Amino acid sequence: MSTPSEGTLTPPAIGEGMDVTAREGRLFGKVALVTGAAGNLGGHIVRHYLREGATVVLTGRERGRVEAARLEAIQATGVADDRATVVTLDGADPASVRAAFADAMAAHGRIDVVVN
């Protein structure tokens, strides 16, 4: 925590001073599915959840773009490769949503958190 001149405490920025290896994190053992994971906000959420110990399923319409986001998130957080997986999902297509959730369940056995 930093101490501004007024004497009030402010929390560190997300990711600042976080040692993933030193603690399990609030989401340790959870499986989170994040839609739009290749976007700016989705990518930020993915990295934060990985730092907090979650296994993250990144989703989006374009597999190549989501795969690139996955690799960037792994590199940025230093987590093990198996902590982030990719499933193609088009939220406008109910069959695609059902298939994506079935794939995520098959890969991880459950989904604890959905960020849509």
N, C-alpha and C. Protein backbone atom coordinates (compact mmCIF):
# COMPACT_ATOMS: atom_id res chain seq x y z
N MET A 1 0.83 -1.17 0.00
CA MET A 1 0.00 0.00 0.00
C MET A 1 0.88 1.24 0.00
N SER A 2 0.43 2.24 -0.68
CA SER A 2 1.17 3.50 -0.69
C SER A 2 0.48 4.51 0.21
N THR A 3 1.24 5.48 0.68
CA THR A 3 0.69 6.49 1.57
C THR A 3 0.82 7.86 0.92
N PRO A 4 -0.31 8.44 0.43
CA PRO A 4 -0.25 9.77 -0.15
C PRO A 4 0.04 10.82 0.93
N SER A 5 0.35 12.03 0.52
CA SER A 5 0.72 13.09 1.46
C SER A 5 -0.37 13.41 2.47
N GLU A 6 -1.64 13.19 2.12
CA GLU A 6 -2.74 13.46 3.07
C GLU A 6 -2.77 12.46 4.21
N GLY A 7 -2.06 11.38 4.12
CA GLY A 7 -2.03 10.39 5.18
C GLY A 7 -3.05 9.28 5.01
N THR A 8 -3.83 9.26 3.91
CA THR A 8 -4.79 8.17 3.70
C THR A 8 -4.10 7.05 2.93
N LEU A 9 -4.55 5.84 3.15
CA LEU A 9 -3.98 4.69 2.48
C LEU A 9 -4.75 4.39 1.21
N THR A 10 -4.04 4.02 0.16
CA THR A 10 -4.68 3.60 -1.08
C THR A 10 -4.14 2.23 -1.45
N PRO A 11 -5.00 1.35 -1.97
CA PRO A 11 -4.54 0.02 -2.35
C PRO A 11 -3.65 0.09 -3.58
N PRO A 12 -2.77 -0.90 -3.77
CA PRO A 12 -1.94 -0.92 -4.96
C PRO A 12 -2.80 -1.14 -6.20
N ALA A 13 -2.31 -0.74 -7.35
CA ALA A 13 -3.01 -0.98 -8.60
C ALA A 13 -3.09 -2.48 -8.83
N ILE A 14 -4.10 -2.92 -9.58
CA ILE A 14 -4.25 -4.34 -9.88
C ILE A 14 -2.98 -4.83 -10.56
N GLY A 15 -2.41 -5.90 -10.02
CA GLY A 15 -1.21 -6.49 -10.56
C GLY A 15 0.06 -5.96 -9.92
N GLU A 16 0.01 -4.77 -9.33
CA GLU A 16 1.18 -4.16 -8.72
C GLU A 16 1.51 -4.87 -7.42
N GLY A 17 2.70 -5.36 -7.30
CA GLY A 17 3.13 -5.99 -6.07
C GLY A 17 2.49 -7.34 -5.78
N MET A 18 1.79 -7.92 -6.75
CA MET A 18 1.15 -9.22 -6.53
C MET A 18 2.14 -10.32 -6.84
N ASP A 19 2.36 -11.22 -5.90
CA ASP A 19 3.24 -12.36 -6.11
C ASP A 19 2.37 -13.59 -6.19
N VAL A 20 2.12 -14.05 -7.41
CA VAL A 20 1.21 -15.18 -7.62
C VAL A 20 1.71 -16.43 -6.93
N THR A 21 3.00 -16.62 -6.87
CA THR A 21 3.53 -17.84 -6.29
C THR A 21 3.47 -17.82 -4.77
N ALA A 22 3.35 -16.64 -4.16
CA ALA A 22 3.37 -16.54 -2.71
C ALA A 22 2.01 -16.79 -2.07
N ARG A 23 0.94 -16.74 -2.83
CA ARG A 23 -0.38 -16.95 -2.25
C ARG A 23 -1.28 -17.62 -3.27
N GLU A 24 -2.31 -18.21 -2.79
CA GLU A 24 -3.21 -18.93 -3.68
C GLU A 24 -4.17 -18.01 -4.40
N GLY A 25 -4.59 -16.93 -3.80
CA GLY A 25 -5.52 -16.01 -4.44
C GLY A 25 -6.96 -16.30 -4.06
N ARG A 26 -7.77 -15.30 -4.18
CA ARG A 26 -9.19 -15.42 -3.80
C ARG A 26 -9.96 -16.36 -4.72
N LEU A 27 -9.47 -16.58 -5.93
CA LEU A 27 -10.19 -17.45 -6.87
C LEU A 27 -9.49 -18.79 -7.07
N PHE A 28 -8.58 -19.13 -6.17
CA PHE A 28 -7.84 -20.39 -6.29
C PHE A 28 -8.80 -21.56 -6.39
N GLY A 29 -8.60 -22.40 -7.39
CA GLY A 29 -9.42 -23.59 -7.57
C GLY A 29 -10.72 -23.36 -8.31
N LYS A 30 -11.03 -22.12 -8.65
CA LYS A 30 -12.26 -21.81 -9.38
C LYS A 30 -12.00 -21.85 -10.89
N VAL A 31 -13.06 -22.16 -11.65
CA VAL A 31 -13.00 -22.12 -13.10
C VAL A 31 -13.89 -20.98 -13.55
N ALA A 32 -13.30 -20.03 -14.28
CA ALA A 32 -14.04 -18.86 -14.74
C ALA A 32 -14.09 -18.85 -16.26
N LEU A 33 -15.26 -18.61 -16.82
CA LEU A 33 -15.44 -18.47 -18.26
C LEU A 33 -15.65 -16.99 -18.54
N VAL A 34 -14.81 -16.42 -19.41
CA VAL A 34 -14.88 -15.00 -19.73
C VAL A 34 -15.21 -14.83 -21.20
N THR A 35 -16.36 -14.21 -21.50
CA THR A 35 -16.72 -13.93 -22.88
C THR A 35 -16.00 -12.65 -23.32
N GLY A 36 -15.75 -12.55 -24.61
CA GLY A 36 -15.06 -11.36 -25.12
C GLY A 36 -13.66 -11.22 -24.54
N ALA A 37 -13.00 -12.33 -24.30
CA ALA A 37 -11.72 -12.34 -23.61
C ALA A 37 -10.58 -11.70 -24.40
N ALA A 38 -10.74 -11.52 -25.70
CA ALA A 38 -9.69 -10.91 -26.51
C ALA A 38 -9.79 -9.39 -26.53
N GLY A 39 -10.85 -8.84 -25.98
CA GLY A 39 -11.00 -7.39 -25.94
C GLY A 39 -10.23 -6.77 -24.79
N ASN A 40 -10.23 -5.46 -24.72
CA ASN A 40 -9.49 -4.75 -23.67
C ASN A 40 -10.00 -5.11 -22.28
N LEU A 41 -11.29 -4.96 -22.04
CA LEU A 41 -11.85 -5.24 -20.72
C LEU A 41 -11.78 -6.73 -20.42
N GLY A 42 -12.14 -7.57 -21.38
CA GLY A 42 -12.07 -9.01 -21.18
C GLY A 42 -10.66 -9.47 -20.87
N GLY A 43 -9.68 -8.93 -21.58
CA GLY A 43 -8.29 -9.30 -21.34
C GLY A 43 -7.82 -8.90 -19.96
N HIS A 44 -8.25 -7.74 -19.51
CA HIS A 44 -7.90 -7.28 -18.16
C HIS A 44 -8.50 -8.22 -17.11
N ILE A 45 -9.74 -8.61 -17.31
CA ILE A 45 -10.40 -9.51 -16.37
C ILE A 45 -9.68 -10.87 -16.36
N VAL A 46 -9.33 -11.38 -17.52
CA VAL A 46 -8.63 -12.66 -17.62
C VAL A 46 -7.33 -12.60 -16.82
N ARG A 47 -6.52 -11.57 -17.04
CA ARG A 47 -5.25 -11.47 -16.33
C ARG A 47 -5.45 -11.35 -14.82
N HIS A 48 -6.43 -10.58 -14.41
CA HIS A 48 -6.71 -10.43 -12.97
C HIS A 48 -7.15 -11.77 -12.37
N TYR A 49 -8.04 -12.48 -13.04
CA TYR A 49 -8.51 -13.77 -12.52
C TYR A 49 -7.37 -14.79 -12.46
N LEU A 50 -6.50 -14.78 -13.47
CA LEU A 50 -5.35 -15.70 -13.43
C LEU A 50 -4.46 -15.37 -12.24
N ARG A 51 -4.22 -14.10 -12.00
CA ARG A 51 -3.39 -13.70 -10.85
C ARG A 51 -4.03 -14.08 -9.52
N GLU A 52 -5.36 -14.15 -9.51
CA GLU A 52 -6.07 -14.52 -8.28
C GLU A 52 -6.25 -16.02 -8.14
N GLY A 53 -5.65 -16.81 -9.04
CA GLY A 53 -5.64 -18.25 -8.87
C GLY A 53 -6.64 -19.05 -9.69
N ALA A 54 -7.49 -18.38 -10.45
CA ALA A 54 -8.51 -19.10 -11.23
C ALA A 54 -7.90 -19.78 -12.45
N THR A 55 -8.58 -20.82 -12.90
CA THR A 55 -8.37 -21.37 -14.23
C THR A 55 -9.37 -20.66 -15.10
N VAL A 56 -8.93 -20.11 -16.23
CA VAL A 56 -9.80 -19.26 -17.04
C VAL A 56 -10.04 -19.87 -18.41
N VAL A 57 -11.31 -19.89 -18.82
CA VAL A 57 -11.70 -20.29 -20.16
C VAL A 57 -11.96 -18.99 -20.92
N LEU A 58 -11.11 -18.68 -21.89
CA LEU A 58 -11.26 -17.48 -22.69
C LEU A 58 -12.16 -17.81 -23.86
N THR A 59 -13.14 -16.96 -24.14
CA THR A 59 -14.04 -17.20 -25.25
C THR A 59 -14.12 -15.97 -26.15
N GLY A 60 -14.51 -16.22 -27.39
CA GLY A 60 -14.72 -15.17 -28.38
C GLY A 60 -15.09 -15.82 -29.69
N ARG A 61 -15.47 -14.98 -30.64
CA ARG A 61 -15.92 -15.51 -31.93
C ARG A 61 -14.77 -15.96 -32.82
N GLU A 62 -13.62 -15.28 -32.74
CA GLU A 62 -12.49 -15.58 -33.61
C GLU A 62 -11.40 -16.32 -32.83
N ARG A 63 -11.29 -17.61 -33.08
CA ARG A 63 -10.38 -18.45 -32.30
C ARG A 63 -8.94 -17.93 -32.31
N GLY A 64 -8.45 -17.52 -33.46
CA GLY A 64 -7.08 -17.04 -33.55
C GLY A 64 -6.83 -15.83 -32.66
N ARG A 65 -7.78 -14.93 -32.63
CA ARG A 65 -7.66 -13.73 -31.79
C ARG A 65 -7.69 -14.10 -30.31
N VAL A 66 -8.55 -15.04 -29.95
CA VAL A 66 -8.65 -15.46 -28.56
C VAL A 66 -7.40 -16.25 -28.15
N GLU A 67 -6.86 -17.07 -29.05
CA GLU A 67 -5.62 -17.80 -28.77
C GLU A 67 -4.48 -16.82 -28.50
N ALA A 68 -4.41 -15.74 -29.30
CA ALA A 68 -3.37 -14.73 -29.10
C ALA A 68 -3.54 -14.06 -27.74
N ALA A 69 -4.78 -13.77 -27.36
CA ALA A 69 -5.06 -13.16 -26.05
C ALA A 69 -4.66 -14.10 -24.92
N ARG A 70 -4.90 -15.39 -25.12
CA ARG A 70 -4.52 -16.40 -24.12
C ARG A 70 -3.01 -16.39 -23.90
N LEU A 71 -2.27 -16.42 -24.99
CA LEU A 71 -0.81 -16.43 -24.89
C LEU A 71 -0.30 -15.15 -24.21
N GLU A 72 -0.88 -14.02 -24.55
CA GLU A 72 -0.49 -12.76 -23.91
C GLU A 72 -0.78 -12.79 -22.41
N ALA A 73 -1.93 -13.34 -22.03
CA ALA A 73 -2.30 -13.41 -20.61
C ALA A 73 -1.36 -14.32 -19.83
N ILE A 74 -1.01 -15.46 -20.42
CA ILE A 74 -0.08 -16.38 -19.77
C ILE A 74 1.28 -15.72 -19.59
N GLN A 75 1.72 -15.04 -20.64
CA GLN A 75 3.01 -14.36 -20.58
C GLN A 75 2.99 -13.23 -19.54
N ALA A 76 1.91 -12.48 -19.48
CA ALA A 76 1.82 -11.34 -18.56
C ALA A 76 1.73 -11.77 -17.10
N THR A 77 1.14 -12.92 -16.85
CA THR A 77 0.91 -13.36 -15.47
C THR A 77 1.90 -14.41 -15.00
N GLY A 78 2.53 -15.11 -15.92
CA GLY A 78 3.48 -16.14 -15.55
C GLY A 78 2.85 -17.41 -15.02
N VAL A 79 1.58 -17.62 -15.30
CA VAL A 79 0.91 -18.83 -14.82
C VAL A 79 1.21 -20.01 -15.74
N ALA A 80 0.92 -21.19 -15.25
CA ALA A 80 1.11 -22.41 -16.05
C ALA A 80 0.18 -22.39 -17.25
N ASP A 81 0.65 -22.99 -18.33
CA ASP A 81 -0.07 -23.03 -19.60
C ASP A 81 -1.48 -23.60 -19.47
N ASP A 82 -1.66 -24.59 -18.60
CA ASP A 82 -2.97 -25.25 -18.48
C ASP A 82 -3.98 -24.44 -17.68
N ARG A 83 -3.61 -23.29 -17.15
CA ARG A 83 -4.54 -22.45 -16.38
C ARG A 83 -5.42 -21.58 -17.27
N ALA A 84 -5.15 -21.57 -18.59
CA ALA A 84 -5.97 -20.78 -19.51
C ALA A 84 -6.24 -21.61 -20.76
N THR A 85 -7.52 -21.76 -21.07
CA THR A 85 -7.91 -22.51 -22.27
C THR A 85 -8.82 -21.63 -23.12
N VAL A 86 -9.02 -22.06 -24.36
CA VAL A 86 -9.83 -21.29 -25.31
C VAL A 86 -10.99 -22.12 -25.82
N VAL A 87 -12.15 -21.48 -25.89
CA VAL A 87 -13.35 -22.08 -26.48
C VAL A 87 -13.98 -21.02 -27.37
N THR A 88 -14.32 -21.39 -28.59
CA THR A 88 -14.98 -20.45 -29.50
C THR A 88 -16.45 -20.32 -29.10
N LEU A 89 -16.93 -19.07 -29.02
CA LEU A 89 -18.30 -18.82 -28.60
C LEU A 89 -18.82 -17.56 -29.29
N ASP A 90 -19.97 -17.69 -29.93
CA ASP A 90 -20.66 -16.53 -30.51
C ASP A 90 -21.94 -16.34 -29.72
N GLY A 91 -21.98 -15.31 -28.89
CA GLY A 91 -23.11 -15.07 -28.01
C GLY A 91 -24.44 -14.85 -28.72
N ALA A 92 -24.41 -14.53 -30.01
CA ALA A 92 -25.65 -14.32 -30.77
C ALA A 92 -26.22 -15.63 -31.30
N ASP A 93 -25.50 -16.73 -31.12
CA ASP A 93 -25.90 -18.03 -31.63
C ASP A 93 -26.10 -19.01 -30.47
N PRO A 94 -27.35 -19.32 -30.11
CA PRO A 94 -27.61 -20.20 -28.96
C PRO A 94 -26.89 -21.56 -29.07
N ALA A 95 -26.81 -22.11 -30.26
CA ALA A 95 -26.13 -23.40 -30.42
C ALA A 95 -24.63 -23.26 -30.11
N SER A 96 -24.04 -22.14 -30.49
CA SER A 96 -22.64 -21.89 -30.20
C SER A 96 -22.41 -21.75 -28.69
N VAL A 97 -23.33 -21.09 -28.02
CA VAL A 97 -23.22 -20.92 -26.56
C VAL A 97 -23.30 -22.27 -25.87
N ARG A 98 -24.28 -23.09 -26.26
CA ARG A 98 -24.43 -24.42 -25.67
C ARG A 98 -23.18 -25.27 -25.91
N ALA A 99 -22.66 -25.24 -27.12
CA ALA A 99 -21.47 -26.03 -27.45
C ALA A 99 -20.26 -25.54 -26.67
N ALA A 100 -20.11 -24.23 -26.52
CA ALA A 100 -18.97 -23.67 -25.79
C ALA A 100 -19.01 -24.08 -24.32
N PHE A 101 -20.19 -24.00 -23.72
CA PHE A 101 -20.31 -24.39 -22.32
C PHE A 101 -20.07 -25.89 -22.16
N ALA A 102 -20.53 -26.69 -23.10
CA ALA A 102 -20.28 -28.14 -23.05
C ALA A 102 -18.78 -28.42 -23.17
N ASP A 103 -18.09 -27.70 -24.05
CA ASP A 103 -16.64 -27.88 -24.20
C ASP A 103 -15.90 -27.49 -22.92
N ALA A 104 -16.30 -26.37 -22.32
CA ALA A 104 -15.66 -25.91 -21.08
C ALA A 104 -15.90 -26.91 -19.96
N MET A 105 -17.11 -27.43 -19.87
CA MET A 105 -17.43 -28.42 -18.83
C MET A 105 -16.63 -29.70 -19.06
N ALA A 106 -16.50 -30.12 -20.31
CA ALA A 106 -15.73 -31.33 -20.61
C ALA A 106 -14.26 -31.16 -20.24
N ALA A 107 -13.74 -29.97 -20.46
CA ALA A 107 -12.32 -29.72 -20.18
C ALA A 107 -12.03 -29.54 -18.70
N HIS A 108 -12.98 -28.96 -17.95
CA HIS A 108 -12.68 -28.58 -16.56
C HIS A 108 -13.63 -29.18 -15.52
N GLY A 109 -14.70 -29.82 -15.96
CA GLY A 109 -15.59 -30.47 -15.03
C GLY A 109 -16.64 -29.56 -14.38
N ARG A 110 -16.46 -28.28 -14.46
CA ARG A 110 -17.42 -27.33 -13.87
C ARG A 110 -17.06 -25.92 -14.33
N ILE A 111 -17.99 -25.00 -14.11
CA ILE A 111 -17.76 -23.57 -14.30
C ILE A 111 -18.29 -22.89 -13.04
N ASP A 112 -17.42 -22.18 -12.33
CA ASP A 112 -17.80 -21.51 -11.09
C ASP A 112 -18.18 -20.05 -11.31
N VAL A 113 -17.58 -19.41 -12.30
CA VAL A 113 -17.78 -17.98 -12.52
C VAL A 113 -17.99 -17.76 -14.02
N VAL A 114 -18.97 -16.93 -14.37
CA VAL A 114 -19.16 -16.52 -15.77
C VAL A 114 -19.10 -15.00 -15.81
N VAL A 115 -18.23 -14.48 -16.66
CA VAL A 115 -18.15 -13.04 -16.89
C VAL A 115 -18.60 -12.81 -18.30
N ASN A 116 -19.76 -12.16 -18.45
CA ASN A 116 -20.37 -11.97 -19.76
C ASN A 116 -20.54 -10.49 -20.03
